[in-house]
PDB file of all heavy atoms in Angstrom:
ATOM      1  N   GLU A   1      11.118  57.409  55.574  1.00  0.00           N
ATOM      2  CA  GLU A   1      11.756  56.083  55.727  1.00  0.00           C
ATOM      3  C   GLU A   1      12.644  56.176  56.931  1.00  0.00           C
ATOM      4  O   GLU A   1      13.873  56.428  56.874  1.00  0.00           O
ATOM      5  CB  GLU A   1      12.538  55.684  54.473  1.00  0.00           C
ATOM      6  CG  GLU A   1      12.975  54.192  54.433  1.00  0.00           C
ATOM      7  CD  GLU A   1      13.611  53.757  53.181  1.00  0.00           C
ATOM      8  OE1 GLU A   1      13.090  54.181  52.058  1.00  0.00           O
ATOM      9  OE2 GLU A   1      14.676  53.112  53.209  1.00  0.00           O
ATOM     10  N   VAL A   2      11.965  55.969  58.106  1.00  0.00           N
ATOM     11  CA  VAL A   2      12.663  56.122  59.374  1.00  0.00           C
ATOM     12  C   VAL A   2      12.282  54.896  60.183  1.00  0.00           C
ATOM     13  O   VAL A   2      11.781  53.933  59.664  1.00  0.00           O
ATOM     14  CB  VAL A   2      12.239  57.397  60.049  1.00  0.00           C
ATOM     15  CG1 VAL A   2      12.638  58.626  59.228  1.00  0.00           C
ATOM     16  CG2 VAL A   2      10.681  57.462  60.262  1.00  0.00           C
ATOM     17  N   TYR A   3      12.617  54.936  61.547  1.00  0.00           N
ATOM     18  CA  TYR A   3      12.313  53.777  62.370  1.00  0.00           C
ATOM     19  C   TYR A   3      10.804  53.535  62.473  1.00  0.00           C
ATOM     20  O   TYR A   3      10.034  54.536  62.510  1.00  0.00           O
ATOM     21  CB  TYR A   3      12.949  53.927  63.726  1.00  0.00           C
ATOM     22  CG  TYR A   3      12.601  55.270  64.411  1.00  0.00           C
ATOM     23  CD1 TYR A   3      11.406  55.522  65.067  1.00  0.00           C
ATOM     24  CD2 TYR A   3      13.534  56.345  64.340  1.00  0.00           C
ATOM     25  CE1 TYR A   3      11.104  56.775  65.616  1.00  0.00           C
ATOM     26  CE2 TYR A   3      13.256  57.539  64.898  1.00  0.00           C
ATOM     27  CZ  TYR A   3      12.057  57.761  65.556  1.00  0.00           C
ATOM     28  OH  TYR A   3      11.728  59.010  66.138  1.00  0.00           O
ATOM     29  N   PRO A   4      10.330  52.358  62.528  1.00  0.00           N
ATOM     30  CA  PRO A   4       8.921  52.046  62.834  1.00  0.00           C
ATOM     31  C   PRO A   4       8.542  52.627  64.163  1.00  0.00           C
ATOM     32  O   PRO A   4       9.334  52.616  65.096  1.00  0.00           O
ATOM     33  CB  PRO A   4       8.848  50.516  62.825  1.00  0.00           C
ATOM     34  CG  PRO A   4       9.986  50.094  61.972  1.00  0.00           C
ATOM     35  CD  PRO A   4      11.108  51.024  62.235  1.00  0.00           C
ATOM     36  N   THR A   5       7.332  53.099  64.255  1.00  0.00           N
ATOM     37  CA  THR A   5       6.777  53.609  65.507  1.00  0.00           C
ATOM     38  C   THR A   5       5.339  53.275  65.695  1.00  0.00           C
ATOM     39  O   THR A   5       4.745  52.534  64.934  1.00  0.00           O
ATOM     40  CB  THR A   5       6.994  55.173  65.481  1.00  0.00           C
ATOM     41  OG1 THR A   5       6.773  55.756  66.798  1.00  0.00           O
ATOM     42  CG2 THR A   5       6.148  55.901  64.438  1.00  0.00           C
ATOM     43  N   ASN A   6       4.709  53.854  66.752  1.00  0.00           N
ATOM     44  CA  ASN A   6       3.301  53.592  66.991  1.00  0.00           C
ATOM     45  C   ASN A   6       2.412  54.482  66.177  1.00  0.00           C
ATOM     46  O   ASN A   6       2.834  55.506  65.679  1.00  0.00           O
ATOM     47  CB  ASN A   6       3.061  53.772  68.478  1.00  0.00           C
ATOM     48  CG  ASN A   6       3.799  52.764  69.377  1.00  0.00           C
ATOM     49  OD1 ASN A   6       4.217  51.712  68.923  1.00  0.00           O
ATOM     50  ND2 ASN A   6       3.998  53.105  70.657  1.00  0.00           N
ATOM     51  N   SER A   7       1.156  54.076  66.068  1.00  0.00           N
ATOM     52  CA  SER A   7       0.247  54.800  65.232  1.00  0.00           C
ATOM     53  C   SER A   7       0.055  56.244  65.602  1.00  0.00           C
ATOM     54  O   SER A   7      -0.165  57.087  64.739  1.00  0.00           O
ATOM     55  CB  SER A   7      -1.148  54.122  65.162  1.00  0.00           C
ATOM     56  OG  SER A   7      -1.674  53.963  66.538  1.00  0.00           O
ATOM     57  N   GLU A   8       0.161  56.582  66.893  1.00  0.00           N
ATOM     58  CA  GLU A   8      -0.007  57.964  67.309  1.00  0.00           C
ATOM     59  C   GLU A   8       1.123  58.905  66.801  1.00  0.00           C
ATOM     60  O   GLU A   8       0.936  60.009  66.473  1.00  0.00           O
ATOM     61  CB  GLU A   8      -0.119  58.095  68.796  1.00  0.00           C
ATOM     62  CG  GLU A   8       1.083  57.660  69.618  1.00  0.00           C
ATOM     63  CD  GLU A   8       0.868  57.780  71.114  1.00  0.00           C
ATOM     64  OE1 GLU A   8      -0.278  58.138  71.559  1.00  0.00           O
ATOM     65  OE2 GLU A   8       1.809  57.572  71.856  1.00  0.00           O
ATOM     66  N   SER A   9       2.277  58.288  66.711  1.00  0.00           N
ATOM     67  CA  SER A   9       3.497  59.050  66.130  1.00  0.00           C
ATOM     68  C   SER A   9       3.334  59.184  64.672  1.00  0.00           C
ATOM     69  O   SER A   9       3.646  60.297  64.090  1.00  0.00           O
ATOM     70  CB  SER A   9       4.777  58.353  66.484  1.00  0.00           C
ATOM     71  OG  SER A   9       5.036  58.303  67.888  1.00  0.00           O
ATOM     72  N   TYR A  10       2.814  58.171  63.944  1.00  0.00           N
ATOM     73  CA  TYR A  10       2.539  58.370  62.523  1.00  0.00           C
ATOM     74  C   TYR A  10       1.490  59.438  62.292  1.00  0.00           C
ATOM     75  O   TYR A  10       1.590  60.220  61.346  1.00  0.00           O
ATOM     76  CB  TYR A  10       2.055  57.000  61.916  1.00  0.00           C
ATOM     77  CG  TYR A  10       3.213  55.999  61.744  1.00  0.00           C
ATOM     78  CD1 TYR A  10       3.114  54.718  62.294  1.00  0.00           C
ATOM     79  CD2 TYR A  10       4.302  56.328  60.985  1.00  0.00           C
ATOM     80  CE1 TYR A  10       4.140  53.788  62.130  1.00  0.00           C
ATOM     81  CE2 TYR A  10       5.327  55.365  60.768  1.00  0.00           C
ATOM     82  CZ  TYR A  10       5.261  54.141  61.306  1.00  0.00           C
ATOM     83  OH  TYR A  10       6.264  53.215  61.152  1.00  0.00           O
ATOM     84  N   ALA A  11       0.529  59.497  63.188  1.00  0.00           N
ATOM     85  CA  ALA A  11      -0.562  60.527  63.070  1.00  0.00           C
ATOM     86  C   ALA A  11       0.099  61.900  63.256  1.00  0.00           C
ATOM     87  O   ALA A  11      -0.326  62.859  62.514  1.00  0.00           O
ATOM     88  CB  ALA A  11      -1.606  60.302  64.101  1.00  0.00           C
ATOM     89  N   TYR A  12       1.004  62.052  64.163  1.00  0.00           N
ATOM     90  CA  TYR A  12       1.646  63.327  64.381  1.00  0.00           C
ATOM     91  C   TYR A  12       2.522  63.665  63.184  1.00  0.00           C
ATOM     92  O   TYR A  12       2.427  64.848  62.669  1.00  0.00           O
ATOM     93  CB  TYR A  12       2.592  63.272  65.606  1.00  0.00           C
ATOM     94  CG  TYR A  12       3.545  64.445  65.753  1.00  0.00           C
ATOM     95  CD1 TYR A  12       3.078  65.651  66.037  1.00  0.00           C
ATOM     96  CD2 TYR A  12       4.910  64.203  65.567  1.00  0.00           C
ATOM     97  CE1 TYR A  12       3.944  66.748  66.219  1.00  0.00           C
ATOM     98  CE2 TYR A  12       5.816  65.268  65.666  1.00  0.00           C
ATOM     99  CZ  TYR A  12       5.318  66.483  65.971  1.00  0.00           C
ATOM    100  OH  TYR A  12       6.222  67.531  66.096  1.00  0.00           O
ATOM    101  N   TRP A  13       3.226  62.773  62.619  1.00  0.00           N
ATOM    102  CA  TRP A  13       4.057  63.094  61.347  1.00  0.00           C
ATOM    103  C   TRP A  13       3.147  63.446  60.231  1.00  0.00           C
ATOM    104  O   TRP A  13       3.527  64.302  59.438  1.00  0.00           O
ATOM    105  CB  TRP A  13       4.935  61.888  61.042  1.00  0.00           C
ATOM    106  CG  TRP A  13       6.073  61.648  61.965  1.00  0.00           C
ATOM    107  CD1 TRP A  13       6.664  62.543  62.805  1.00  0.00           C
ATOM    108  CD2 TRP A  13       6.832  60.414  62.236  1.00  0.00           C
ATOM    109  NE1 TRP A  13       7.685  61.980  63.516  1.00  0.00           N
ATOM    110  CE2 TRP A  13       7.795  60.705  63.187  1.00  0.00           C
ATOM    111  CE3 TRP A  13       6.701  59.127  61.725  1.00  0.00           C
ATOM    112  CZ2 TRP A  13       8.679  59.727  63.653  1.00  0.00           C
ATOM    113  CZ3 TRP A  13       7.561  58.152  62.094  1.00  0.00           C
ATOM    114  CH2 TRP A  13       8.537  58.452  63.097  1.00  0.00           C
ATOM    115  N   HIS A  14       2.041  62.790  60.124  1.00  0.00           N
ATOM    116  CA  HIS A  14       1.093  63.138  59.057  1.00  0.00           C
ATOM    117  C   HIS A  14       0.564  64.562  59.211  1.00  0.00           C
ATOM    118  O   HIS A  14       0.507  65.352  58.272  1.00  0.00           O
ATOM    119  CB  HIS A  14      -0.090  62.195  58.999  1.00  0.00           C
ATOM    120  CG  HIS A  14      -1.106  62.500  57.905  1.00  0.00           C
ATOM    121  ND1 HIS A  14      -0.755  62.549  56.627  1.00  0.00           N
ATOM    122  CD2 HIS A  14      -2.416  62.818  58.008  1.00  0.00           C
ATOM    123  CE1 HIS A  14      -1.839  62.850  55.900  1.00  0.00           C
ATOM    124  NE2 HIS A  14      -2.869  63.026  56.741  1.00  0.00           N
ATOM    125  N   GLU A  15       0.286  64.960  60.479  1.00  0.00           N
ATOM    126  CA  GLU A  15      -0.117  66.351  60.755  1.00  0.00           C
ATOM    127  C   GLU A  15       0.978  67.324  60.379  1.00  0.00           C
ATOM    128  O   GLU A  15       0.729  68.434  60.006  1.00  0.00           O
ATOM    129  CB  GLU A  15      -0.492  66.461  62.241  1.00  0.00           C
ATOM    130  CG  GLU A  15      -1.802  65.752  62.649  1.00  0.00           C
ATOM    131  CD  GLU A  15      -1.938  65.771  64.145  1.00  0.00           C
ATOM    132  OE1 GLU A  15      -1.175  66.392  64.824  1.00  0.00           O
ATOM    133  OE2 GLU A  15      -2.914  65.085  64.596  1.00  0.00           O
ATOM    134  N   CYS A  16       2.210  66.827  60.491  1.00  0.00           N
ATOM    135  CA  CYS A  16       3.383  67.783  60.221  1.00  0.00           C
ATOM    136  C   CYS A  16       3.627  67.860  58.678  1.00  0.00           C
ATOM    137  O   CYS A  16       4.401  68.676  58.283  1.00  0.00           O
ATOM    138  CB  CYS A  16       4.646  67.197  60.879  1.00  0.00           C
ATOM    139  SG  CYS A  16       4.623  67.387  62.664  1.00  0.00           S
ATOM    140  N   GLY A  17       2.955  66.984  57.886  1.00  0.00           N
ATOM    141  CA  GLY A  17       3.105  67.117  56.509  1.00  0.00           C
ATOM    142  C   GLY A  17       3.502  65.871  55.722  1.00  0.00           C
ATOM    143  O   GLY A  17       3.566  65.874  54.489  1.00  0.00           O
ATOM    144  N   ALA A  18       3.801  64.774  56.404  1.00  0.00           N
ATOM    145  CA  ALA A  18       4.233  63.483  55.723  1.00  0.00           C
ATOM    146  C   ALA A  18       2.978  62.878  55.010  1.00  0.00           C
ATOM    147  O   ALA A  18       1.865  62.833  55.593  1.00  0.00           O
ATOM    148  CB  ALA A  18       4.796  62.550  56.686  1.00  0.00           C
ATOM    149  N   ASP A  19       3.223  62.373  53.869  1.00  0.00           N
ATOM    150  CA  ASP A  19       2.187  61.697  53.059  1.00  0.00           C
ATOM    151  C   ASP A  19       2.242  60.265  53.109  1.00  0.00           C
ATOM    152  O   ASP A  19       1.161  59.543  53.075  1.00  0.00           O
ATOM    153  CB  ASP A  19       2.294  62.082  51.556  1.00  0.00           C
ATOM    154  CG  ASP A  19       2.148  63.602  51.340  1.00  0.00           C
ATOM    155  OD1 ASP A  19       0.963  63.995  51.306  1.00  0.00           O
ATOM    156  OD2 ASP A  19       3.120  64.313  51.157  1.00  0.00           O
ATOM    157  N   TYR A  20       3.441  59.648  53.150  1.00  0.00           N
ATOM    158  CA  TYR A  20       3.511  58.179  53.067  1.00  0.00           C
ATOM    159  C   TYR A  20       4.731  57.684  53.902  1.00  0.00           C
ATOM    160  O   TYR A  20       5.666  58.517  54.172  1.00  0.00           O
ATOM    161  CB  TYR A  20       3.531  57.704  51.627  1.00  0.00           C
ATOM    162  CG  TYR A  20       4.781  58.087  50.846  1.00  0.00           C
ATOM    163  CD1 TYR A  20       5.927  57.332  50.809  1.00  0.00           C
ATOM    164  CD2 TYR A  20       4.804  59.303  50.174  1.00  0.00           C
ATOM    165  CE1 TYR A  20       7.002  57.673  50.082  1.00  0.00           C
ATOM    166  CE2 TYR A  20       5.949  59.712  49.486  1.00  0.00           C
ATOM    167  CZ  TYR A  20       7.049  58.919  49.393  1.00  0.00           C
ATOM    168  OH  TYR A  20       8.159  59.265  48.702  1.00  0.00           O
ATOM    169  N   VAL A  21       4.706  56.420  54.132  1.00  0.00           N
ATOM    170  CA  VAL A  21       5.762  55.779  54.942  1.00  0.00           C
ATOM    171  C   VAL A  21       6.245  54.544  54.216  1.00  0.00           C
ATOM    172  O   VAL A  21       5.400  53.734  53.758  1.00  0.00           O
ATOM    173  CB  VAL A  21       5.271  55.382  56.313  1.00  0.00           C
ATOM    174  CG1 VAL A  21       6.255  54.543  57.074  1.00  0.00           C
ATOM    175  CG2 VAL A  21       4.952  56.645  57.167  1.00  0.00           C
ATOM    176  N   THR A  22       7.574  54.376  54.097  1.00  0.00           N
ATOM    177  CA  THR A  22       8.110  53.122  53.528  1.00  0.00           C
ATOM    178  C   THR A  22       8.884  52.430  54.674  1.00  0.00           C
ATOM    179  O   THR A  22       9.644  53.031  55.377  1.00  0.00           O
ATOM    180  CB  THR A  22       9.086  53.474  52.407  1.00  0.00           C
ATOM    181  OG1 THR A  22       8.364  54.010  51.289  1.00  0.00           O
ATOM    182  CG2 THR A  22       9.745  52.206  51.899  1.00  0.00           C
ATOM    183  N   VAL A  23       8.680  51.106  54.763  1.00  0.00           N
ATOM    184  CA  VAL A  23       9.428  50.344  55.697  1.00  0.00           C
ATOM    185  C   VAL A  23       9.980  49.054  54.935  1.00  0.00           C
ATOM    186  O   VAL A  23       9.164  48.333  54.405  1.00  0.00           O
ATOM    187  CB  VAL A  23       8.529  49.911  56.915  1.00  0.00           C
ATOM    188  CG1 VAL A  23       9.317  49.016  57.869  1.00  0.00           C
ATOM    189  CG2 VAL A  23       7.963  51.053  57.683  1.00  0.00           C
ATOM    190  N   PHE A  24      11.226  48.873  55.023  1.00  0.00           N
ATOM    191  CA  PHE A  24      11.833  47.656  54.502  1.00  0.00           C
ATOM    192  C   PHE A  24      11.710  46.562  55.558  1.00  0.00           C
ATOM    193  O   PHE A  24      12.298  46.732  56.682  1.00  0.00           O
ATOM    194  CB  PHE A  24      13.278  47.828  54.104  1.00  0.00           C
ATOM    195  CG  PHE A  24      13.548  48.599  52.917  1.00  0.00           C
ATOM    196  CD1 PHE A  24      12.607  49.451  52.355  1.00  0.00           C
ATOM    197  CD2 PHE A  24      14.779  48.576  52.254  1.00  0.00           C
ATOM    198  CE1 PHE A  24      12.789  50.177  51.195  1.00  0.00           C
ATOM    199  CE2 PHE A  24      15.027  49.296  51.044  1.00  0.00           C
ATOM    200  CZ  PHE A  24      13.994  50.130  50.538  1.00  0.00           C
ATOM    201  N   GLN A  25      11.044  45.484  55.306  1.00  0.00           N
ATOM    202  CA  GLN A  25      11.056  44.322  56.260  1.00  0.00           C
ATOM    203  C   GLN A  25      12.352  43.644  56.216  1.00  0.00           C
ATOM    204  O   GLN A  25      12.700  42.892  57.062  1.00  0.00           O
ATOM    205  CB  GLN A  25       9.907  43.407  55.853  1.00  0.00           C
ATOM    206  CG  GLN A  25       9.774  42.206  56.815  1.00  0.00           C
ATOM    207  CD  GLN A  25       9.520  42.655  58.240  1.00  0.00           C
ATOM    208  OE1 GLN A  25       8.876  43.622  58.527  1.00  0.00           O
ATOM    209  NE2 GLN A  25       9.945  41.855  59.219  1.00  0.00           N
ATOM    210  N   GLU A  26      13.149  43.836  55.148  1.00  0.00           N
ATOM    211  CA  GLU A  26      14.438  43.261  54.963  1.00  0.00           C
ATOM    212  C   GLU A  26      14.321  41.779  54.557  1.00  0.00           C
ATOM    213  O   GLU A  26      14.576  41.439  53.346  1.00  0.00           O
ATOM    214  CB  GLU A  26      15.417  43.408  56.149  1.00  0.00           C
ATOM    215  CG  GLU A  26      15.373  44.794  56.808  1.00  0.00           C
ATOM    216  CD  GLU A  26      15.923  45.936  55.903  1.00  0.00           C
ATOM    217  OE1 GLU A  26      15.968  45.752  54.644  1.00  0.00           O
ATOM    218  OE2 GLU A  26      16.125  47.011  56.454  1.00  0.00           O
ATOM    219  N   THR A  27      13.918  40.915  55.449  1.00  0.00           N
ATOM    220  CA  THR A  27      13.491  39.548  55.063  1.00  0.00           C
ATOM    221  C   THR A  27      12.323  39.186  55.908  1.00  0.00           C
ATOM    222  O   THR A  27      12.179  39.602  57.101  1.00  0.00           O
ATOM    223  CB  THR A  27      14.646  38.550  55.269  1.00  0.00           C
ATOM    224  OG1 THR A  27      14.121  37.214  54.938  1.00  0.00           O
ATOM    225  CG2 THR A  27      15.162  38.532  56.647  1.00  0.00           C
ATOM    226  N   TYR A  28      11.382  38.390  55.310  1.00  0.00           N
ATOM    227  CA  TYR A  28      10.220  37.906  56.029  1.00  0.00           C
ATOM    228  C   TYR A  28      10.473  36.596  56.729  1.00  0.00           C
ATOM    229  O   TYR A  28       9.581  36.011  57.404  1.00  0.00           O
ATOM    230  CB  TYR A  28       9.078  37.842  55.119  1.00  0.00           C
ATOM    231  CG  TYR A  28       8.427  39.158  54.737  1.00  0.00           C
ATOM    232  CD1 TYR A  28       8.955  39.961  53.796  1.00  0.00           C
ATOM    233  CD2 TYR A  28       7.256  39.564  55.391  1.00  0.00           C
ATOM    234  CE1 TYR A  28       8.319  41.170  53.432  1.00  0.00           C
ATOM    235  CE2 TYR A  28       6.674  40.800  55.021  1.00  0.00           C
ATOM    236  CZ  TYR A  28       7.194  41.576  54.049  1.00  0.00           C
ATOM    237  OH  TYR A  28       6.638  42.819  53.750  1.00  0.00           O
ATOM    238  N   HIS A  29      11.626  36.042  56.576  1.00  0.00           N
ATOM    239  CA  HIS A  29      12.016  34.791  57.169  1.00  0.00           C
ATOM    240  C   HIS A  29      12.503  35.074  58.643  1.00  0.00           C
ATOM    241  O   HIS A  29      13.598  35.583  58.815  1.00  0.00           O
ATOM    242  CB  HIS A  29      13.131  34.104  56.372  1.00  0.00           C
ATOM    243  CG  HIS A  29      13.411  32.666  56.816  1.00  0.00           C
ATOM    244  ND1 HIS A  29      14.001  32.380  58.004  1.00  0.00           N
ATOM    245  CD2 HIS A  29      13.161  31.552  56.150  1.00  0.00           C
ATOM    246  CE1 HIS A  29      14.124  31.083  58.100  1.00  0.00           C
ATOM    247  NE2 HIS A  29      13.634  30.507  56.989  1.00  0.00           N
ATOM    248  N   ALA A  30      11.622  34.742  59.589  1.00  0.00           N
ATOM    249  CA  ALA A  30      11.827  35.186  60.961  1.00  0.00           C
ATOM    250  C   ALA A  30      13.175  34.656  61.550  1.00  0.00           C
ATOM    251  O   ALA A  30      13.882  35.372  62.253  1.00  0.00           O
ATOM    252  CB  ALA A  30      10.658  34.770  61.836  1.00  0.00           C
ATOM    253  N   GLU A  31      13.477  33.425  61.271  1.00  0.00           N
ATOM    254  CA  GLU A  31      14.746  32.828  61.777  1.00  0.00           C
ATOM    255  C   GLU A  31      15.949  33.514  61.115  1.00  0.00           C
ATOM    256  O   GLU A  31      16.927  33.803  61.892  1.00  0.00           O
ATOM    257  CB  GLU A  31      14.802  31.373  61.542  1.00  0.00           C
ATOM    258  CG  GLU A  31      13.758  30.525  62.410  1.00  0.00           C
ATOM    259  CD  GLU A  31      13.900  29.061  62.262  1.00  0.00           C
ATOM    260  OE1 GLU A  31      14.901  28.625  61.561  1.00  0.00           O
ATOM    261  OE2 GLU A  31      13.037  28.341  62.715  1.00  0.00           O
ATOM    262  N   LYS A  32      15.898  33.756  59.913  1.00  0.00           N
ATOM    263  CA  LYS A  32      17.056  34.473  59.251  1.00  0.00           C
ATOM    264  C   LYS A  32      17.129  35.859  59.714  1.00  0.00           C
ATOM    265  O   LYS A  32      18.217  36.427  59.928  1.00  0.00           O
ATOM    266  CB  LYS A  32      16.870  34.388  57.663  1.00  0.00           C
ATOM    267  CG  LYS A  32      18.079  35.093  56.893  1.00  0.00           C
ATOM    268  CD  LYS A  32      19.374  34.331  57.269  1.00  0.00           C
ATOM    269  CE  LYS A  32      20.526  34.827  56.399  1.00  0.00           C
ATOM    270  NZ  LYS A  32      20.460  34.358  55.014  1.00  0.00           N
ATOM    271  N   TYR A  33      15.938  36.515  59.882  1.00  0.00           N
ATOM    272  CA  TYR A  33      15.916  37.884  60.361  1.00  0.00           C
ATOM    273  C   TYR A  33      16.624  37.989  61.713  1.00  0.00           C
ATOM    274  O   TYR A  33      17.323  38.942  61.947  1.00  0.00           O
ATOM    275  CB  TYR A  33      14.415  38.309  60.572  1.00  0.00           C
ATOM    276  CG  TYR A  33      14.164  39.721  60.956  1.00  0.00           C
ATOM    277  CD1 TYR A  33      13.885  40.721  59.970  1.00  0.00           C
ATOM    278  CD2 TYR A  33      14.225  40.128  62.289  1.00  0.00           C
ATOM    279  CE1 TYR A  33      13.651  42.019  60.339  1.00  0.00           C
ATOM    280  CE2 TYR A  33      13.965  41.443  62.643  1.00  0.00           C
ATOM    281  CZ  TYR A  33      13.704  42.409  61.658  1.00  0.00           C
ATOM    282  OH  TYR A  33      13.474  43.700  62.022  1.00  0.00           O
TER     283      TYR A  33
END
């Protein structure tokens, strides 16, 4: 549960041993966001 990144970085983290990623959108309301 870290900063969002590009797919190639996620691929690297998976190679390093990570299984899953959690991202809180916080709110889906773009104006409130």
